[in-house]
């Protein structure tokens, strides 16, 4: 017979944390399968449709399509999607908001659920430390949310490729759009990590708020952090509040919140190398900012976990 499980070390992989595994399993069981499949299926279907349109477009440009009607249909389809950039942006933004809310709610409920069921006292009696319990809860929520992003990632990649190939761009514009797209994905991941940490801290600290109220407070805080960072840090790095093409600097904050596709409505701005260098400066600043805030929130969550373990 094997002896009791030894506590995992801090250097051990977070994926082997039993709290993270249990949290991920609980979230997978509690999520409605039909809603999850509908969300993923819708995003995948739209992404595949865009990719098929790209394939037809490339064939039409290379002369592989001999049918005039098919070529005309492609040109019509391209014009429709060119004017649908705003709709695609709103769709991606809505998807990001849903993911943020789901992240906050899952993180807030992870601790509240343990307190409500009376299992927190049992959890702290395991060989795991309070530090590892807090980290496990955070990693479990992160693993669950990343699995929910599959369809949206396909949609983002398809949208980006469409923006590149459906309209004429200069080389500098393509590079700047690629940097903006990468920056948007990085900020999205960091924003979700911060949201999970905020949800954990709020659920530890609050004794009267419900998970929904905690998630709402965390959501408002995340939005304020994002736009505060834009006004105080990102906007000064941009060439100017508005250039001759009508590019509004305020659109950067919304665009970077998800997908970067709002920037596609001002593609002429990407021919200016100043925007490329501005985006390259924003990337390390945003990573340091969000990683630092997430680290602070995790330290607070660990402190609250140790405090609750001692009482």
C-alpha atoms as a PDB file:
ATOM      1  CA  UNK A   1       0.000   0.000   0.000  1.00  0.00           C
ATOM      2  CA  UNK A   2       1.232   3.454  -0.822  1.00  0.00           C
ATOM      3  CA  UNK A   3       1.653   6.045   1.836  1.00  0.00           C
ATOM      4  CA  UNK A   4      -0.031   9.443   2.002  1.00  0.00           C
ATOM      5  CA  UNK A   5       0.533  11.801  -0.865  1.00  0.00           C
ATOM      6  CA  UNK A   6       3.483  14.101  -0.311  1.00  0.00           C
ATOM      7  CA  UNK A   7       2.846  17.801  -0.783  1.00  0.00           C
ATOM      8  CA  UNK A   8       3.818  19.094  -4.179  1.00  0.00           C
ATOM      9  CA  UNK A   9       6.713  21.489  -4.338  1.00  0.00           C
ATOM     10  CA  UNK A  10       6.545  25.006  -5.715  1.00  0.00           C
ATOM     11  CA  UNK A  11       8.753  23.942  -8.597  1.00  0.00           C
ATOM     12  CA  UNK A  12       6.356  21.172  -9.612  1.00  0.00           C
ATOM     13  CA  UNK A  13       4.205  21.800 -12.647  1.00  0.00           C
ATOM     14  CA  UNK A  14       0.964  23.624 -11.909  1.00  0.00           C
ATOM     15  CA  UNK A  15      -0.862  21.113 -14.087  1.00  0.00           C
ATOM     16  CA  UNK A  16      -0.106  18.457 -11.438  1.00  0.00           C
ATOM     17  CA  UNK A  17      -1.733  20.528  -8.723  1.00  0.00           C
ATOM     18  CA  UNK A  18      -4.744  18.431  -7.597  1.00  0.00           C
ATOM     19  CA  UNK A  19      -6.728  21.564  -6.750  1.00  0.00           C
ATOM     20  CA  UNK A  20      -6.290  22.829 -10.320  1.00  0.00           C
ATOM     21  CA  UNK A  21      -7.336  19.451 -11.719  1.00  0.00           C
ATOM     22  CA  UNK A  22     -10.381  19.272  -9.448  1.00  0.00           C
ATOM     23  CA  UNK A  23     -11.418  22.837 -10.300  1.00  0.00           C
ATOM     24  CA  UNK A  24     -11.119  22.162 -14.036  1.00  0.00           C
ATOM     25  CA  UNK A  25     -13.147  18.946 -13.716  1.00  0.00           C
ATOM     26  CA  UNK A  26     -15.870  20.755 -11.752  1.00  0.00           C
ATOM     27  CA  UNK A  27     -16.121  23.574 -14.289  1.00  0.00           C
ATOM     28  CA  UNK A  28     -16.281  21.122 -17.179  1.00  0.00           C
ATOM     29  CA  UNK A  29     -19.098  19.201 -15.476  1.00  0.00           C
ATOM     30  CA  UNK A  30     -21.089  22.257 -14.455  1.00  0.00           C
ATOM     31  CA  UNK A  31     -20.989  24.002 -17.835  1.00  0.00           C
ATOM     32  CA  UNK A  32     -24.007  23.339 -19.975  1.00  0.00           C
ATOM     33  CA  UNK A  33     -22.858  21.194 -22.844  1.00  0.00           C
ATOM     34  CA  UNK A  34     -25.407  22.593 -25.309  1.00  0.00           C
ATOM     35  CA  UNK A  35     -24.390  26.220 -24.698  1.00  0.00           C
ATOM     36  CA  UNK A  36     -20.707  25.373 -24.988  1.00  0.00           C
ATOM     37  CA  UNK A  37     -21.182  23.452 -28.216  1.00  0.00           C
ATOM     38  CA  UNK A  38     -23.324  26.235 -29.694  1.00  0.00           C
ATOM     39  CA  UNK A  39     -20.714  28.897 -28.922  1.00  0.00           C
ATOM     40  CA  UNK A  40     -17.837  26.856 -30.290  1.00  0.00           C
ATOM     41  CA  UNK A  41     -19.820  25.672 -33.292  1.00  0.00           C
ATOM     42  CA  UNK A  42     -20.940  29.183 -34.232  1.00  0.00           C
ATOM     43  CA  UNK A  43     -17.438  30.626 -34.014  1.00  0.00           C
ATOM     44  CA  UNK A  44     -15.933  27.693 -35.901  1.00  0.00           C
ATOM     45  CA  UNK A  45     -18.566  27.873 -38.634  1.00  0.00           C
ATOM     46  CA  UNK A  46     -18.003  31.589 -39.141  1.00  0.00           C
ATOM     47  CA  UNK A  47     -14.237  31.135 -39.151  1.00  0.00           C
ATOM     48  CA  UNK A  48     -14.425  28.305 -41.686  1.00  0.00           C
ATOM     49  CA  UNK A  49     -16.731  30.412 -43.873  1.00  0.00           C
ATOM     50  CA  UNK A  50     -14.191  33.224 -43.881  1.00  0.00           C
ATOM     51  CA  UNK A  51     -11.391  30.806 -44.722  1.00  0.00           C
ATOM     52  CA  UNK A  52     -13.417  29.346 -47.605  1.00  0.00           C
ATOM     53  CA  UNK A  53     -13.982  32.860 -48.888  1.00  0.00           C
ATOM     54  CA  UNK A  54     -10.250  33.459 -48.708  1.00  0.00           C
ATOM     55  CA  UNK A  55      -9.619  30.315 -50.726  1.00  0.00           C
ATOM     56  CA  UNK A  56     -12.035  31.408 -53.424  1.00  0.00           C
ATOM     57  CA  UNK A  57     -10.455  34.847 -53.424  1.00  0.00           C
ATOM     58  CA  UNK A  58      -6.955  33.513 -53.934  1.00  0.00           C
ATOM     59  CA  UNK A  59      -8.144  31.231 -56.725  1.00  0.00           C
ATOM     60  CA  UNK A  60      -9.970  34.096 -58.407  1.00  0.00           C
ATOM     61  CA  UNK A  61      -6.939  36.364 -58.216  1.00  0.00           C
ATOM     62  CA  UNK A  62      -4.635  33.721 -59.662  1.00  0.00           C
ATOM     63  CA  UNK A  63      -6.997  33.043 -62.559  1.00  0.00           C
ATOM     64  CA  UNK A  64      -7.798  29.498 -61.435  1.00  0.00           C
ATOM     65  CA  UNK A  65     -11.517  30.227 -61.654  1.00  0.00           C
ATOM     66  CA  UNK A  66     -12.743  30.270 -65.223  1.00  0.00           C
ATOM     67  CA  UNK A  67     -16.381  30.781 -64.340  1.00  0.00           C
ATOM     68  CA  UNK A  68     -17.314  34.450 -64.622  1.00  0.00           C
ATOM     69  CA  UNK A  69     -20.317  34.018 -62.349  1.00  0.00           C
ATOM     70  CA  UNK A  70     -18.217  32.439 -59.623  1.00  0.00           C
ATOM     71  CA  UNK A  71     -15.685  35.254 -59.841  1.00  0.00           C
ATOM     72  CA  UNK A  72     -18.460  37.851 -59.652  1.00  0.00           C
ATOM     73  CA  UNK A  73     -19.953  36.083 -56.650  1.00  0.00           C
ATOM     74  CA  UNK A  74     -16.573  36.146 -54.935  1.00  0.00           C
ATOM     75  CA  UNK A  75     -16.152  39.863 -55.605  1.00  0.00           C
ATOM     76  CA  UNK A  76     -19.608  40.500 -54.158  1.00  0.00           C
ATOM     77  CA  UNK A  77     -18.788  38.346 -51.126  1.00  0.00           C
ATOM     78  CA  UNK A  78     -15.545  40.250 -50.625  1.00  0.00           C
ATOM     79  CA  UNK A  79     -17.294  43.617 -50.714  1.00  0.00           C
ATOM     80  CA  UNK A  80     -19.877  42.434 -48.193  1.00  0.00           C
ATOM     81  CA  UNK A  81     -17.193  41.302 -45.760  1.00  0.00           C
ATOM     82  CA  UNK A  82     -15.153  44.432 -46.333  1.00  0.00           C
ATOM     83  CA  UNK A  83     -18.092  46.445 -45.033  1.00  0.00           C
ATOM     84  CA  UNK A  84     -18.674  43.907 -42.253  1.00  0.00           C
ATOM     85  CA  UNK A  85     -15.468  44.758 -40.390  1.00  0.00           C
ATOM     86  CA  UNK A  86     -17.421  46.589 -37.717  1.00  0.00           C
ATOM     87  CA  UNK A  87     -19.794  43.654 -37.269  1.00  0.00           C
ATOM     88  CA  UNK A  88     -16.858  41.250 -36.956  1.00  0.00           C
ATOM     89  CA  UNK A  89     -15.249  43.564 -34.435  1.00  0.00           C
ATOM     90  CA  UNK A  90     -18.400  43.729 -32.323  1.00  0.00           C
ATOM     91  CA  UNK A  91     -18.743  39.950 -32.517  1.00  0.00           C
ATOM     92  CA  UNK A  92     -15.187  39.428 -31.301  1.00  0.00           C
ATOM     93  CA  UNK A  93     -15.653  42.069 -28.614  1.00  0.00           C
ATOM     94  CA  UNK A  94     -18.841  40.349 -27.447  1.00  0.00           C
ATOM     95  CA  UNK A  95     -17.011  37.028 -27.334  1.00  0.00           C
ATOM     96  CA  UNK A  96     -14.274  38.578 -25.219  1.00  0.00           C
ATOM     97  CA  UNK A  97     -16.809  40.114 -22.820  1.00  0.00           C
ATOM     98  CA  UNK A  98     -18.507  36.732 -22.428  1.00  0.00           C
ATOM     99  CA  UNK A  99     -15.147  35.074 -21.707  1.00  0.00           C
ATOM    100  CA  UNK A 100     -14.240  37.763 -19.165  1.00  0.00           C
ATOM    101  CA  UNK A 101     -17.568  37.373 -17.391  1.00  0.00           C
ATOM    102  CA  UNK A 102     -17.261  33.581 -17.405  1.00  0.00           C
ATOM    103  CA  UNK A 103     -13.724  33.844 -16.019  1.00  0.00           C
ATOM    104  CA  UNK A 104     -14.734  36.182 -13.204  1.00  0.00           C
ATOM    105  CA  UNK A 105     -17.807  34.154 -12.296  1.00  0.00           C
ATOM    106  CA  UNK A 106     -15.856  30.879 -12.240  1.00  0.00           C
ATOM    107  CA  UNK A 107     -13.093  32.388 -10.087  1.00  0.00           C
ATOM    108  CA  UNK A 108     -15.545  34.045  -7.699  1.00  0.00           C
ATOM    109  CA  UNK A 109     -17.562  30.858  -7.316  1.00  0.00           C
ATOM    110  CA  UNK A 110     -14.496  28.665  -6.748  1.00  0.00           C
ATOM    111  CA  UNK A 111     -13.909  29.959  -3.213  1.00  0.00           C
ATOM    112  CA  UNK A 112     -17.507  30.870  -2.388  1.00  0.00           C
ATOM    113  CA  UNK A 113     -18.536  27.314  -3.281  1.00  0.00           C
ATOM    114  CA  UNK A 114     -16.018  25.843  -0.850  1.00  0.00           C
ATOM    115  CA  UNK A 115     -17.214  28.123   1.956  1.00  0.00           C
ATOM    116  CA  UNK A 116     -20.882  27.469   1.230  1.00  0.00           C
ATOM    117  CA  UNK A 117     -20.458  23.683   1.142  1.00  0.00           C
ATOM    118  CA  UNK A 118     -18.211  23.665   4.201  1.00  0.00           C
ATOM    119  CA  UNK A 119     -15.397  21.944   2.308  1.00  0.00           C
ATOM    120  CA  UNK A 120     -12.801  24.677   2.827  1.00  0.00           C
ATOM    121  CA  UNK A 121     -11.886  23.323   6.260  1.00  0.00           C
ATOM    122  CA  UNK A 122     -11.374  19.891   4.720  1.00  0.00           C
ATOM    123  CA  UNK A 123      -9.306  21.356   1.897  1.00  0.00           C
ATOM    124  CA  UNK A 124      -6.864  23.098   4.214  1.00  0.00           C
ATOM    125  CA  UNK A 125      -6.290  19.840   6.126  1.00  0.00           C
ATOM    126  CA  UNK A 126      -4.757  18.227   3.036  1.00  0.00           C
ATOM    127  CA  UNK A 127      -0.948  18.194   2.556  1.00  0.00           C
ATOM    128  CA  UNK A 128      -1.349  21.171   0.214  1.00  0.00           C
ATOM    129  CA  UNK A 129      -0.455  24.590   1.547  1.00  0.00           C
ATOM    130  CA  UNK A 130      -2.793  27.563   1.352  1.00  0.00           C
ATOM    131  CA  UNK A 131      -0.405  29.019  -1.253  1.00  0.00           C
ATOM    132  CA  UNK A 132      -0.869  25.943  -3.459  1.00  0.00           C
ATOM    133  CA  UNK A 133      -4.646  25.936  -2.972  1.00  0.00           C
ATOM    134  CA  UNK A 134      -4.934  29.527  -4.209  1.00  0.00           C
ATOM    135  CA  UNK A 135      -2.626  28.828  -7.153  1.00  0.00           C
ATOM    136  CA  UNK A 136      -4.549  25.659  -7.996  1.00  0.00           C
ATOM    137  CA  UNK A 137      -7.861  27.506  -8.085  1.00  0.00           C
ATOM    138  CA  UNK A 138      -6.383  30.138 -10.395  1.00  0.00           C
ATOM    139  CA  UNK A 139      -4.759  27.621 -12.741  1.00  0.00           C
ATOM    140  CA  UNK A 140      -7.945  25.543 -12.887  1.00  0.00           C
ATOM    141  CA  UNK A 141     -10.005  28.538 -14.003  1.00  0.00           C
ATOM    142  CA  UNK A 142      -7.324  29.479 -16.547  1.00  0.00           C
ATOM    143  CA  UNK A 143      -7.232  25.987 -18.050  1.00  0.00           C
ATOM    144  CA  UNK A 144     -11.021  25.947 -18.367  1.00  0.00           C
ATOM    145  CA  UNK A 145     -11.212  29.359 -20.040  1.00  0.00           C
ATOM    146  CA  UNK A 146      -8.439  28.577 -22.517  1.00  0.00           C
ATOM    147  CA  UNK A 147     -10.400  25.536 -23.642  1.00  0.00           C
ATOM    148  CA  UNK A 148     -13.397  27.767 -24.332  1.00  0.00           C
ATOM    149  CA  UNK A 149     -11.396  29.983 -26.700  1.00  0.00           C
ATOM    150  CA  UNK A 150     -10.890  27.401 -29.450  1.00  0.00           C
ATOM    151  CA  UNK A 151     -13.620  28.662 -31.741  1.00  0.00           C
ATOM    152  CA  UNK A 152     -12.836  32.317 -31.122  1.00  0.00           C
ATOM    153  CA  UNK A 153      -9.172  31.790 -31.995  1.00  0.00           C
ATOM    154  CA  UNK A 154     -10.183  30.313 -35.359  1.00  0.00           C
ATOM    155  CA  UNK A 155     -12.490  33.292 -35.905  1.00  0.00           C
ATOM    156  CA  UNK A 156      -9.730  35.768 -35.036  1.00  0.00           C
ATOM    157  CA  UNK A 157      -7.181  34.145 -37.322  1.00  0.00           C
ATOM    158  CA  UNK A 158      -9.670  33.948 -40.196  1.00  0.00           C
ATOM    159  CA  UNK A 159     -10.642  37.591 -39.707  1.00  0.00           C
ATOM    160  CA  UNK A 160      -7.024  38.687 -39.670  1.00  0.00           C
ATOM    161  CA  UNK A 161      -6.197  36.746 -42.848  1.00  0.00           C
ATOM    162  CA  UNK A 162      -9.249  38.193 -44.523  1.00  0.00           C
ATOM    163  CA  UNK A 163      -8.224  41.733 -43.641  1.00  0.00           C
ATOM    164  CA  UNK A 164      -4.779  41.108 -45.075  1.00  0.00           C
ATOM    165  CA  UNK A 165      -5.889  39.536 -48.350  1.00  0.00           C
ATOM    166  CA  UNK A 166      -9.205  41.212 -49.125  1.00  0.00           C
ATOM    167  CA  UNK A 167      -7.811  44.743 -49.453  1.00  0.00           C
ATOM    168  CA  UNK A 168      -4.625  46.197 -50.927  1.00  0.00           C
ATOM    169  CA  UNK A 169      -2.008  46.983 -48.283  1.00  0.00           C
ATOM    170  CA  UNK A 170       1.484  48.286 -48.266  1.00  0.00           C
ATOM    171  CA  UNK A 171       4.116  46.096 -46.635  1.00  0.00           C
ATOM    172  CA  UNK A 172       4.364  48.357 -43.602  1.00  0.00           C
ATOM    173  CA  UNK A 173       0.596  48.181 -43.179  1.00  0.00           C
ATOM    174  CA  UNK A 174       0.602  44.386 -43.158  1.00  0.00           C
ATOM    175  CA  UNK A 175       3.389  44.281 -40.568  1.00  0.00           C
ATOM    176  CA  UNK A 176       1.625  46.827 -38.363  1.00  0.00           C
ATOM    177  CA  UNK A 177      -1.654  44.921 -38.598  1.00  0.00           C
ATOM    178  CA  UNK A 178       0.160  41.704 -37.660  1.00  0.00           C
ATOM    179  CA  UNK A 179       1.737  43.414 -34.649  1.00  0.00           C
ATOM    180  CA  UNK A 180      -1.636  44.858 -33.617  1.00  0.00           C
ATOM    181  CA  UNK A 181      -3.255  41.439 -33.925  1.00  0.00           C
ATOM    182  CA  UNK A 182      -0.508  39.804 -31.823  1.00  0.00           C
ATOM    183  CA  UNK A 183      -0.751  42.574 -29.246  1.00  0.00           C
ATOM    184  CA  UNK A 184      -4.518  42.142 -29.042  1.00  0.00           C
ATOM    185  CA  UNK A 185      -4.213  38.399 -28.418  1.00  0.00           C
ATOM    186  CA  UNK A 186      -1.558  38.984 -25.742  1.00  0.00           C
ATOM    187  CA  UNK A 187      -3.663  41.596 -23.956  1.00  0.00           C
ATOM    188  CA  UNK A 188      -6.718  39.327 -24.179  1.00  0.00           C
ATOM    189  CA  UNK A 189      -4.848  36.466 -22.465  1.00  0.00           C
ATOM    190  CA  UNK A 190      -3.358  38.784 -19.840  1.00  0.00           C
ATOM    191  CA  UNK A 191      -6.731  40.419 -19.230  1.00  0.00           C
ATOM    192  CA  UNK A 192      -8.362  37.031 -18.609  1.00  0.00           C
ATOM    193  CA  UNK A 193      -5.532  36.056 -16.248  1.00  0.00           C
ATOM    194  CA  UNK A 194      -6.037  39.304 -14.332  1.00  0.00           C
ATOM    195  CA  UNK A 195      -9.806  38.728 -14.252  1.00  0.00           C
ATOM    196  CA  UNK A 196      -9.332  35.276 -12.713  1.00  0.00           C
ATOM    197  CA  UNK A 197      -6.987  36.694 -10.066  1.00  0.00           C
ATOM    198  CA  UNK A 198      -9.420  39.528  -9.280  1.00  0.00           C
ATOM    199  CA  UNK A 199     -12.261  37.037  -8.886  1.00  0.00           C
ATOM    200  CA  UNK A 200     -10.217  34.967  -6.440  1.00  0.00           C
ATOM    201  CA  UNK A 201      -9.213  37.963  -4.325  1.00  0.00           C
ATOM    202  CA  UNK A 202     -12.769  39.289  -4.179  1.00  0.00           C
ATOM    203  CA  UNK A 203     -14.220  35.893  -3.261  1.00  0.00           C
ATOM    204  CA  UNK A 204     -11.668  35.479  -0.448  1.00  0.00           C
ATOM    205  CA  UNK A 205     -12.189  38.997   0.886  1.00  0.00           C
ATOM    206  CA  UNK A 206     -15.985  39.188   0.655  1.00  0.00           C
ATOM    207  CA  UNK A 207     -18.226  37.465   3.152  1.00  0.00           C
ATOM    208  CA  UNK A 208     -21.581  38.835   2.012  1.00  0.00           C
ATOM    209  CA  UNK A 209     -21.466  39.278  -1.777  1.00  0.00           C
ATOM    210  CA  UNK A 210     -22.738  36.571  -4.102  1.00  0.00           C
ATOM    211  CA  UNK A 211     -20.512  35.206  -6.904  1.00  0.00           C
ATOM    212  CA  UNK A 212     -22.485  37.265  -9.440  1.00  0.00           C
ATOM    213  CA  UNK A 213     -21.919  40.480  -7.473  1.00  0.00           C
ATOM    214  CA  UNK A 214     -18.234  39.642  -7.061  1.00  0.00           C
ATOM    215  CA  UNK A 215     -17.918  38.944 -10.785  1.00  0.00           C
ATOM    216  CA  UNK A 216     -19.626  42.249 -11.604  1.00  0.00           C
ATOM    217  CA  UNK A 217     -17.220  44.173  -9.374  1.00  0.00           C
ATOM    218  CA  UNK A 218     -14.273  42.384 -10.951  1.00  0.00           C
ATOM    219  CA  UNK A 219     -15.566  43.087 -14.442  1.00  0.00           C
ATOM    220  CA  UNK A 220     -15.894  46.813 -13.779  1.00  0.00           C
ATOM    221  CA  UNK A 221     -12.399  46.822 -12.258  1.00  0.00           C
ATOM    222  CA  UNK A 222     -10.934  45.043 -15.310  1.00  0.00           C
ATOM    223  CA  UNK A 223     -12.511  47.539 -17.704  1.00  0.00           C
ATOM    224  CA  UNK A 224     -11.284  50.487 -15.628  1.00  0.00           C
ATOM    225  CA  UNK A 225      -7.774  49.023 -15.567  1.00  0.00           C
ATOM    226  CA  UNK A 226      -7.797  48.546 -19.333  1.00  0.00           C
ATOM    227  CA  UNK A 227      -8.974  52.024 -20.258  1.00  0.00           C
ATOM    228  CA  UNK A 228      -6.922  53.607 -17.486  1.00  0.00           C
ATOM    229  CA  UNK A 229      -3.841  51.934 -18.932  1.00  0.00           C
ATOM    230  CA  UNK A 230      -4.803  53.229 -22.367  1.00  0.00           C
ATOM    231  CA  UNK A 231      -5.201  56.829 -21.209  1.00  0.00           C
ATOM    232  CA  UNK A 232      -2.122  56.937 -18.961  1.00  0.00           C
ATOM    233  CA  UNK A 233       0.334  54.664 -20.787  1.00  0.00           C
ATOM    234  CA  UNK A 234      -0.746  53.635 -24.281  1.00  0.00           C
ATOM    235  CA  UNK A 235      -2.102  56.905 -25.658  1.00  0.00           C
ATOM    236  CA  UNK A 236       1.106  58.897 -24.959  1.00  0.00           C
ATOM    237  CA  UNK A 237       3.010  56.305 -27.014  1.00  0.00           C
ATOM    238  CA  UNK A 238       0.827  56.877 -30.079  1.00  0.00           C
ATOM    239  CA  UNK A 239       1.894  59.432 -32.717  1.00  0.00           C
ATOM    240  CA  UNK A 240      -1.117  61.670 -32.035  1.00  0.00           C
ATOM    241  CA  UNK A 241      -4.781  61.663 -31.045  1.00  0.00           C
ATOM    242  CA  UNK A 242      -5.897  61.836 -34.668  1.00  0.00           C
ATOM    243  CA  UNK A 243      -4.115  61.885 -38.004  1.00  0.00           C
ATOM    244  CA  UNK A 244      -5.111  62.934 -41.518  1.00  0.00           C
ATOM    245  CA  UNK A 245      -6.828  59.601 -42.183  1.00  0.00           C
ATOM    246  CA  UNK A 246      -9.279  60.114 -39.336  1.00  0.00           C
ATOM    247  CA  UNK A 247      -7.733  57.430 -37.124  1.00  0.00           C
ATOM    248  CA  UNK A 248      -8.941  58.061 -33.587  1.00  0.00           C
ATOM    249  CA  UNK A 249      -6.515  57.130 -30.844  1.00  0.00           C
ATOM    250  CA  UNK A 250      -9.440  56.285 -28.574  1.00  0.00           C
ATOM    251  CA  UNK A 251     -10.270  53.407 -30.915  1.00  0.00           C
ATOM    252  CA  UNK A 252      -6.988  51.796 -29.880  1.00  0.00           C
ATOM    253  CA  UNK A 253      -8.300  50.977 -26.404  1.00  0.00           C
ATOM    254  CA  UNK A 254     -11.385  49.214 -27.736  1.00  0.00           C
ATOM    255  CA  UNK A 255      -9.454  47.538 -30.530  1.00  0.00           C
ATOM    256  CA  UNK A 256      -6.780  46.166 -28.233  1.00  0.00           C
ATOM    257  CA  UNK A 257      -9.457  44.824 -25.896  1.00  0.00           C
ATOM    258  CA  UNK A 258     -10.082  42.121 -28.446  1.00  0.00           C
ATOM    259  CA  UNK A 259      -8.894  41.172 -31.901  1.00  0.00           C
ATOM    260  CA  UNK A 260      -7.561  44.496 -33.122  1.00  0.00           C
ATOM    261  CA  UNK A 261     -10.107  44.495 -35.930  1.00  0.00           C
ATOM    262  CA  UNK A 262     -11.410  47.983 -35.226  1.00  0.00           C
ATOM    263  CA  UNK A 263      -8.074  49.153 -36.539  1.00  0.00           C
ATOM    264  CA  UNK A 264      -8.932  47.585 -39.888  1.00  0.00           C
ATOM    265  CA  UNK A 265     -11.473  50.328 -40.533  1.00  0.00           C
ATOM    266  CA  UNK A 266      -8.549  52.754 -40.668  1.00  0.00           C
ATOM    267  CA  UNK A 267      -6.141  50.685 -42.754  1.00  0.00           C
ATOM    268  CA  UNK A 268      -4.614  53.783 -44.322  1.00  0.00           C
ATOM    269  CA  UNK A 269      -3.031  54.606 -40.972  1.00  0.00           C
ATOM    270  CA  UNK A 270      -0.965  51.448 -41.125  1.00  0.00           C
ATOM    271  CA  UNK A 271       1.078  52.839 -43.995  1.00  0.00           C
ATOM    272  CA  UNK A 272       2.614  55.199 -41.442  1.00  0.00           C
ATOM    273  CA  UNK A 273       5.597  53.558 -39.747  1.00  0.00           C
ATOM    274  CA  UNK A 274       4.924  55.585 -36.598  1.00  0.00           C
ATOM    275  CA  UNK A 275       2.012  53.294 -35.709  1.00  0.00           C
ATOM    276  CA  UNK A 276       4.144  50.203 -36.093  1.00  0.00           C
ATOM    277  CA  UNK A 277       6.786  51.544 -33.718  1.00  0.00           C
ATOM    278  CA  UNK A 278       4.071  52.722 -31.313  1.00  0.00           C
ATOM    279  CA  UNK A 279       2.572  49.227 -31.221  1.00  0.00           C
ATOM    280  CA  UNK A 280       6.007  47.710 -30.641  1.00  0.00           C
ATOM    281  CA  UNK A 281       6.470  50.027 -27.657  1.00  0.00           C
ATOM    282  CA  UNK A 282       3.015  49.256 -26.285  1.00  0.00           C
ATOM    283  CA  UNK A 283       3.568  45.473 -26.321  1.00  0.00           C
ATOM    284  CA  UNK A 284       6.229  45.241 -23.558  1.00  0.00           C
ATOM    285  CA  UNK A 285       4.482  47.941 -21.507  1.00  0.00           C
ATOM    286  CA  UNK A 286       1.184  46.040 -21.602  1.00  0.00           C
ATOM    287  CA  UNK A 287       2.830  42.718 -20.728  1.00  0.00           C
ATOM    288  CA  UNK A 288       4.633  44.240 -17.735  1.00  0.00           C
ATOM    289  CA  UNK A 289       1.489  46.079 -16.586  1.00  0.00           C
ATOM    290  CA  UNK A 290      -0.933  43.154 -16.736  1.00  0.00           C
ATOM    291  CA  UNK A 291       1.591  40.594 -15.477  1.00  0.00           C
ATOM    292  CA  UNK A 292       2.434  42.867 -12.548  1.00  0.00           C
ATOM    293  CA  UNK A 293      -1.210  43.460 -11.610  1.00  0.00           C
ATOM    294  CA  UNK A 294      -1.971  39.748 -11.904  1.00  0.00           C
ATOM    295  CA  UNK A 295       1.014  38.933  -9.688  1.00  0.00           C
ATOM    296  CA  UNK A 296      -0.162  41.412  -7.042  1.00  0.00           C
ATOM    297  CA  UNK A 297      -3.686  39.941  -7.089  1.00  0.00           C
ATOM    298  CA  UNK A 298      -2.308  36.402  -6.769  1.00  0.00           C
ATOM    299  CA  UNK A 299      -0.180  37.461  -3.796  1.00  0.00           C
ATOM    300  CA  UNK A 300      -3.298  38.934  -2.172  1.00  0.00           C
ATOM    301  CA  UNK A 301      -5.234  35.735  -2.892  1.00  0.00           C
ATOM    302  CA  UNK A 302      -2.445  33.647  -1.320  1.00  0.00           C
ATOM    303  CA  UNK A 303      -2.390  35.929   1.728  1.00  0.00           C
ATOM    304  CA  UNK A 304      -6.162  35.599   2.139  1.00  0.00           C
ATOM    305  CA  UNK A 305      -5.910  31.816   1.704  1.00  0.00           C
ATOM    306  CA  UNK A 306      -3.277  31.573   4.449  1.00  0.00           C
ATOM    307  CA  UNK A 307      -5.362  33.875   6.653  1.00  0.00           C
ATOM    308  CA  UNK A 308      -8.460  31.718   6.161  1.00  0.00           C
ATOM    309  CA  UNK A 309      -6.428  28.579   6.857  1.00  0.00           C
ATOM    310  CA  UNK A 310      -5.261  29.959  10.192  1.00  0.00           C
ATOM    311  CA  UNK A 311      -8.782  30.784  11.401  1.00  0.00           C
END
